[in-house]
């Protein structure tokens, strides 16, 4: 009965995933070569800029810095020392790219970007000053930007590791169920930790070996794995797999353990997954994570096969059992 419910839940989530994928923006991240000879030189330049910088005219940003200064006059006027005026935008202001201008004589940054907040508020700024102060106007991009901020990342790492250590220590002292050490008779929790660890390592690998691909995803995010580069498709599939296996783990814990123990077990599982993500996403950036990942997979599989895998099933209620004897669920004796 439990397995049937899990299968139903997985099918439901898959249906939701396919629905979300079919309702996406429909913009493919697979870039085709620029070979159209019917386009004007300006249009070709715009396409080349979009290919190299991942944004172009009419792209939407949100100011994430405390403020952003814009030059009202043309960039050339400022470069020759003419009097100019500036305006200041505040954090949270929405912007749209109105124009992009290349000034070869500018030794600071040859690329100037004109952005507009409304029809009366617009101005120019260097691209090198614009991009650190804004974030794409998309929830996924803003999520990526938040977790890429060094200050936030350090704070989150410290909090998660402290919480994970406390929850694991509490579970071990109470002899409560916890993944890898005193696990329930289900492979879903172990599988979830392995998916998280592998995904974290793969995410760091993309940043190491394909940073431009990740930058393209940052500016044009999607949850549809069918419209992106193969390397990003694998990453997105792993993200959806986390959700599906996570729901299956919750369902298993809910049926195998009393409510209080199930809550503690799931908190421990979340703590272990959070620690896995931090450890493998950071260590893989320094290439040590690959060796750690192999060792972790071997450890997790050994612990599951040796201590968590159920070899018997109760003949009365169907509850998985590690050994013959009295069933902990219904009390029936199995010999």
Protein backbone atom coordinates (compact mmCIF):
# COMPACT_ATOMS: atom_id res chain seq x y z
CA UNK A 1 0.00 0.00 0.00
CA UNK A 2 2.83 2.39 0.90
CA UNK A 3 4.71 1.62 -2.30
CA UNK A 4 1.53 2.17 -4.29
CA UNK A 5 1.06 5.60 -2.71
CA UNK A 6 4.67 6.48 -3.43
CA UNK A 7 4.27 5.50 -7.08
CA UNK A 8 1.09 7.58 -7.34
CA UNK A 9 2.90 10.58 -5.82
CA UNK A 10 5.80 10.20 -8.24
CA UNK A 11 3.46 9.97 -11.24
CA UNK A 12 1.63 13.09 -10.02
CA UNK A 13 4.88 15.07 -9.68
CA UNK A 14 6.03 13.93 -13.13
CA UNK A 15 2.75 15.15 -14.58
CA UNK A 16 3.25 18.54 -12.90
CA UNK A 17 6.82 18.71 -14.21
CA UNK A 18 5.73 17.99 -17.78
CA UNK A 19 2.98 20.58 -17.46
CA UNK A 20 5.42 23.22 -16.23
CA UNK A 21 7.87 22.37 -18.99
CA UNK A 22 5.19 22.67 -21.65
CA UNK A 23 4.11 26.05 -20.27
CA UNK A 24 7.57 27.59 -20.33
CA UNK A 25 8.64 30.68 -22.18
CA UNK A 26 9.54 28.65 -25.23
CA UNK A 27 12.93 30.32 -25.60
CA UNK A 28 15.66 27.83 -26.35
CA UNK A 29 19.05 28.31 -24.75
CA UNK A 30 20.67 26.34 -27.55
CA UNK A 31 22.25 29.09 -29.62
CA UNK A 32 22.34 28.64 -33.40
CA UNK A 33 25.16 30.15 -35.47
CA UNK A 34 24.58 33.67 -36.76
CA UNK A 35 24.41 33.06 -40.50
CA UNK A 36 21.31 34.94 -41.66
CA UNK A 37 22.46 37.16 -44.57
CA UNK A 38 19.13 39.06 -44.68
CA UNK A 39 19.89 40.90 -41.44
CA UNK A 40 21.41 44.37 -41.39
CA UNK A 41 24.86 45.01 -39.95
CA UNK A 42 23.29 46.63 -36.86
CA UNK A 43 21.08 43.60 -36.30
CA UNK A 44 24.05 41.28 -36.67
CA UNK A 45 26.03 43.37 -34.18
CA UNK A 46 23.11 43.16 -31.76
CA UNK A 47 22.98 39.38 -32.12
CA UNK A 48 26.74 39.10 -31.59
CA UNK A 49 26.51 41.25 -28.48
CA UNK A 50 23.67 39.13 -27.16
CA UNK A 51 25.72 35.99 -27.82
CA UNK A 52 28.78 37.33 -26.00
CA UNK A 53 27.14 39.28 -23.16
CA UNK A 54 23.91 37.24 -22.80
CA UNK A 55 21.61 40.27 -22.79
CA UNK A 56 20.58 42.93 -25.32
CA UNK A 57 18.10 45.75 -25.82
CA UNK A 58 14.73 45.39 -24.04
CA UNK A 59 16.27 43.09 -21.42
CA UNK A 60 14.85 43.66 -17.92
CA UNK A 61 16.91 44.16 -14.75
CA UNK A 62 16.20 44.99 -11.11
CA UNK A 63 18.58 47.14 -9.06
CA UNK A 64 20.02 45.05 -6.22
CA UNK A 65 22.66 47.54 -5.01
CA UNK A 66 21.75 50.34 -2.62
CA UNK A 67 21.85 52.78 -5.54
CA UNK A 68 22.87 53.09 -9.18
CA UNK A 69 24.10 56.34 -10.77
CA UNK A 70 23.27 57.12 -14.39
CA UNK A 71 24.66 59.77 -16.73
CA UNK A 72 21.96 61.82 -18.44
CA UNK A 73 24.10 63.01 -21.36
CA UNK A 74 25.77 60.93 -24.05
CA UNK A 75 28.95 59.09 -23.00
CA UNK A 76 31.07 61.06 -25.50
CA UNK A 77 30.17 64.32 -23.74
CA UNK A 78 31.50 63.03 -20.44
CA UNK A 79 34.68 61.74 -22.04
CA UNK A 80 35.58 65.14 -23.50
CA UNK A 81 34.96 66.89 -20.20
CA UNK A 82 31.66 68.63 -20.97
CA UNK A 83 29.33 69.46 -18.03
CA UNK A 84 27.03 66.51 -17.29
CA UNK A 85 24.15 65.65 -14.98
CA UNK A 86 23.52 62.40 -13.15
CA UNK A 87 20.52 60.70 -11.61
CA UNK A 88 20.35 58.05 -8.93
CA UNK A 89 18.18 54.92 -8.91
CA UNK A 90 17.27 53.07 -5.72
CA UNK A 91 17.37 49.43 -4.75
CA UNK A 92 14.42 47.49 -6.17
CA UNK A 93 13.87 49.79 -9.16
CA UNK A 94 13.01 47.95 -12.37
CA UNK A 95 15.07 48.76 -15.46
CA UNK A 96 14.98 47.98 -19.16
CA UNK A 97 17.96 48.17 -21.52
CA UNK A 98 17.16 50.95 -23.99
CA UNK A 99 20.40 51.15 -25.96
CA UNK A 100 23.96 49.82 -26.06
CA UNK A 101 26.81 51.97 -27.29
CA UNK A 102 30.47 51.11 -27.86
CA UNK A 103 32.97 53.94 -27.30
CA UNK A 104 36.42 52.68 -28.38
CA UNK A 105 38.18 55.76 -26.91
CA UNK A 106 36.95 55.03 -23.38
CA UNK A 107 39.89 53.46 -21.53
CA UNK A 108 37.79 52.51 -18.49
CA UNK A 109 35.10 50.47 -20.27
CA UNK A 110 34.23 50.83 -23.94
CA UNK A 111 30.70 49.47 -23.48
CA UNK A 112 28.06 51.94 -22.32
CA UNK A 113 24.50 50.82 -21.58
CA UNK A 114 21.46 53.06 -21.51
CA UNK A 115 18.77 51.85 -19.10
CA UNK A 116 15.36 53.30 -18.38
CA UNK A 117 13.23 53.14 -15.26
CA UNK A 118 10.31 54.91 -16.92
CA UNK A 119 9.85 57.29 -19.86
CA UNK A 120 11.24 60.19 -17.84
CA UNK A 121 14.02 58.39 -15.95
CA UNK A 122 16.82 57.01 -18.09
CA UNK A 123 20.57 57.38 -18.48
CA UNK A 124 23.92 55.80 -19.34
CA UNK A 125 26.43 53.79 -17.34
CA UNK A 126 29.42 51.50 -17.95
CA UNK A 127 28.55 47.84 -18.32
CA UNK A 128 31.18 47.05 -15.68
CA UNK A 129 29.26 49.28 -13.24
CA UNK A 130 25.80 48.16 -14.30
CA UNK A 131 26.02 44.37 -14.03
CA UNK A 132 27.32 44.16 -10.42
CA UNK A 133 24.52 46.52 -9.33
CA UNK A 134 21.59 44.73 -10.98
CA UNK A 135 20.05 41.29 -11.30
CA UNK A 136 17.86 39.91 -14.11
CA UNK A 137 14.17 40.39 -13.49
CA UNK A 138 13.45 36.68 -13.04
CA UNK A 139 12.90 34.72 -9.77
CA UNK A 140 15.36 31.98 -10.77
CA UNK A 141 18.09 34.50 -11.60
CA UNK A 142 17.45 36.33 -8.34
CA UNK A 143 17.67 33.04 -6.44
CA UNK A 144 21.00 32.27 -8.11
CA UNK A 145 22.27 35.79 -7.40
CA UNK A 146 21.30 35.59 -3.73
CA UNK A 147 23.13 32.30 -3.19
CA UNK A 148 26.13 33.54 -5.15
CA UNK A 149 26.70 36.46 -2.79
CA UNK A 150 29.81 35.66 -0.72
CA UNK A 151 28.50 37.24 2.47
CA UNK A 152 25.21 35.38 2.36
CA UNK A 153 26.91 32.11 1.39
CA UNK A 154 29.33 32.21 4.33
CA UNK A 155 26.51 33.00 6.75
CA UNK A 156 24.29 30.24 5.34
CA UNK A 157 27.13 27.70 5.42
CA UNK A 158 27.85 28.39 9.08
CA UNK A 159 24.17 28.18 10.07
CA UNK A 160 23.51 24.99 8.09
CA UNK A 161 26.59 23.17 9.38
CA UNK A 162 25.77 24.09 12.98
CA UNK A 163 22.15 22.98 12.53
CA UNK A 164 23.19 19.76 10.78
CA UNK A 165 25.69 18.89 13.52
CA UNK A 166 23.11 19.55 16.23
CA UNK A 167 20.34 17.51 14.59
CA UNK A 168 22.62 14.57 13.81
CA UNK A 169 24.05 14.58 17.34
CA UNK A 170 20.58 14.75 18.87
CA UNK A 171 19.35 11.87 16.71
CA UNK A 172 22.34 9.68 17.58
CA UNK A 173 22.01 10.37 21.31
CA UNK A 174 18.32 9.43 21.23
CA UNK A 175 19.06 6.40 19.07
CA UNK A 176 16.56 7.85 16.61
CA UNK A 177 16.38 6.97 12.96
CA UNK A 178 18.79 8.92 10.77
CA UNK A 179 20.03 8.41 7.25
CA UNK A 180 23.35 6.52 6.85
CA UNK A 181 23.61 5.62 10.55
CA UNK A 182 20.29 4.24 11.78
CA UNK A 183 18.21 4.40 8.63
CA UNK A 184 14.70 3.21 7.87
CA UNK A 185 14.12 0.31 5.50
CA UNK A 186 13.87 2.39 2.32
CA UNK A 187 16.36 3.38 -0.35
CA UNK A 188 14.69 6.73 -1.09
CA UNK A 189 16.46 8.74 1.68
CA UNK A 190 19.86 7.36 0.70
CA UNK A 191 19.09 8.02 -2.96
CA UNK A 192 18.12 11.61 -2.10
CA UNK A 193 21.45 12.29 -0.38
CA UNK A 194 23.33 10.82 -3.35
CA UNK A 195 21.37 12.96 -5.82
CA UNK A 196 22.06 16.11 -3.79
CA UNK A 197 25.78 15.34 -3.49
CA UNK A 198 26.12 14.50 -7.20
CA UNK A 199 24.12 17.56 -8.27
CA UNK A 200 26.23 19.85 -6.09
CA UNK A 201 29.42 18.44 -7.57
CA UNK A 202 27.99 18.73 -11.10
CA UNK A 203 26.92 22.33 -10.43
CA UNK A 204 30.46 23.23 -9.38
CA UNK A 205 31.82 21.41 -12.43
CA UNK A 206 29.72 23.59 -14.74
CA UNK A 207 31.16 26.68 -13.08
CA UNK A 208 34.68 25.29 -13.48
CA UNK A 209 34.56 24.00 -17.05
CA UNK A 210 31.61 25.78 -18.70
CA UNK A 211 31.23 29.18 -17.00
CA UNK A 212 29.78 30.80 -20.13
CA UNK A 213 27.06 28.17 -20.28
CA UNK A 214 26.13 28.86 -16.67
CA UNK A 215 26.18 32.63 -17.35
CA UNK A 216 23.75 32.11 -20.23
CA UNK A 217 21.49 30.15 -17.90
CA UNK A 218 21.74 32.95 -15.32
CA UNK A 219 20.52 35.56 -17.80
CA UNK A 220 17.94 33.27 -19.44
CA UNK A 221 16.85 30.76 -16.76
CA UNK A 222 14.32 28.00 -17.24
CA UNK A 223 13.17 24.87 -15.44
CA UNK A 224 12.57 23.03 -18.71
CA UNK A 225 15.45 20.58 -19.34
CA UNK A 226 14.37 20.06 -22.95
CA UNK A 227 15.35 23.53 -24.24
CA UNK A 228 18.85 23.92 -22.79
CA UNK A 229 22.33 22.66 -23.50
CA UNK A 230 22.86 18.96 -22.60
CA UNK A 231 25.06 19.83 -19.62
CA UNK A 232 22.35 22.10 -18.19
CA UNK A 233 19.66 19.55 -19.05
CA UNK A 234 21.41 16.99 -16.84
CA UNK A 235 21.57 19.50 -13.99
CA UNK A 236 17.89 20.42 -14.30
CA UNK A 237 16.88 16.75 -14.41
CA UNK A 238 18.80 16.21 -11.18
CA UNK A 239 16.93 19.15 -9.60
CA UNK A 240 13.57 17.65 -10.54
CA UNK A 241 14.82 14.26 -9.29
CA UNK A 242 15.55 15.86 -5.90
CA UNK A 243 11.95 17.03 -5.68
CA UNK A 244 10.46 13.69 -6.69
CA UNK A 245 12.71 11.54 -4.48
CA UNK A 246 12.31 14.05 -1.64
CA UNK A 247 8.51 13.66 -1.74
CA UNK A 248 8.93 9.88 -1.82
CA UNK A 249 11.21 10.07 1.25
CA UNK A 250 8.67 12.14 3.14
CA UNK A 251 5.93 9.66 2.30
CA UNK A 252 8.05 6.69 3.39
CA UNK A 253 9.06 8.31 6.69
CA UNK A 254 5.46 9.27 7.39
CA UNK A 255 4.30 5.66 7.05
CA UNK A 256 7.28 3.89 8.63
CA UNK A 257 7.70 6.04 11.74
CA UNK A 258 5.48 7.68 14.37
CA UNK A 259 4.81 11.36 13.71
CA UNK A 260 7.40 12.74 16.16
CA UNK A 261 10.13 10.38 15.01
CA UNK A 262 9.26 11.02 11.38
CA UNK A 263 9.65 14.78 11.87
CA UNK A 264 13.03 14.31 13.58
CA UNK A 265 14.13 11.88 10.85
CA UNK A 266 13.16 14.27 8.06
CA UNK A 267 14.93 17.15 9.82
CA UNK A 268 18.04 14.99 10.01
CA UNK A 269 17.68 14.04 6.35
CA UNK A 270 17.37 17.71 5.37
CA UNK A 271 20.43 18.57 7.46
CA UNK A 272 22.51 15.83 5.84
CA UNK A 273 21.40 16.94 2.35
CA UNK A 274 22.24 20.57 3.16
CA UNK A 275 25.68 19.56 4.43
CA UNK A 276 26.21 17.42 1.30
CA UNK A 277 25.36 20.35 -0.94
CA UNK A 278 27.74 22.71 0.83
CA UNK A 279 30.62 20.24 1.09
CA UNK A 280 30.52 18.99 -2.50
CA UNK A 281 29.72 22.31 -4.19
CA UNK A 282 32.67 23.96 -2.43
CA UNK A 283 35.23 21.14 -2.58
CA UNK A 284 34.55 20.40 -6.26
CA UNK A 285 35.62 23.94 -7.13
CA UNK A 286 39.06 22.83 -5.92
CA UNK A 287 38.72 19.39 -7.62
CA UNK A 288 38.96 17.56 -4.27
CA UNK A 289 35.21 17.02 -4.38
CA UNK A 290 35.43 14.34 -7.05
CA UNK A 291 37.40 12.01 -4.79
CA UNK A 292 35.12 12.83 -1.87
CA UNK A 293 32.06 12.11 -4.00
CA UNK A 294 33.30 8.65 -4.97
CA UNK A 295 34.12 7.88 -1.34
CA UNK A 296 30.72 9.18 -0.21
CA UNK A 297 28.81 7.08 -2.76
CA UNK A 298 30.68 3.95 -1.63
CA UNK A 299 30.04 4.79 2.04
CA UNK A 300 26.32 5.50 1.52
CA UNK A 301 25.73 2.32 -0.49
CA UNK A 302 27.70 0.22 2.00
CA UNK A 303 25.71 1.59 4.95
CA UNK A 304 22.41 1.00 3.18
CA UNK A 305 23.18 -2.54 2.01
CA UNK A 306 24.69 -3.52 5.35
CA UNK A 307 22.36 -1.85 7.84
CA UNK A 308 19.21 -0.39 6.20
CA UNK A 309 18.08 -2.74 3.47
CA UNK A 310 15.07 -4.83 4.46
CA UNK A 311 15.49 -8.50 3.56
CA UNK A 312 12.08 -9.69 4.78
CA UNK A 313 8.47 -8.58 4.70
CA UNK A 314 5.89 -9.18 7.41
CA UNK A 315 3.45 -11.86 6.27
CA UNK A 316 0.60 -10.15 8.13
CA UNK A 317 0.85 -6.42 7.31
CA UNK A 318 3.55 -6.28 4.63
CA UNK A 319 5.87 -4.04 6.66
CA UNK A 320 9.58 -4.41 5.67
CA UNK A 321 11.70 -6.21 8.29
CA UNK A 322 15.47 -6.47 8.74
CA UNK A 323 15.23 -9.96 10.24
CA UNK A 324 12.70 -12.64 11.11
CA UNK A 325 10.80 -12.35 14.38
CA UNK A 326 8.16 -10.03 15.76
CA UNK A 327 6.98 -7.26 13.46
CA UNK A 328 7.35 -3.82 15.01
CA UNK A 329 4.25 -2.55 13.19
CA UNK A 330 1.58 -5.17 13.89
CA UNK A 331 3.26 -7.48 16.42
CA UNK A 332 2.89 -10.62 14.30
CA UNK A 333 5.60 -13.27 14.64
CA UNK A 334 7.36 -14.20 11.41
CA UNK A 335 9.52 -17.32 11.29
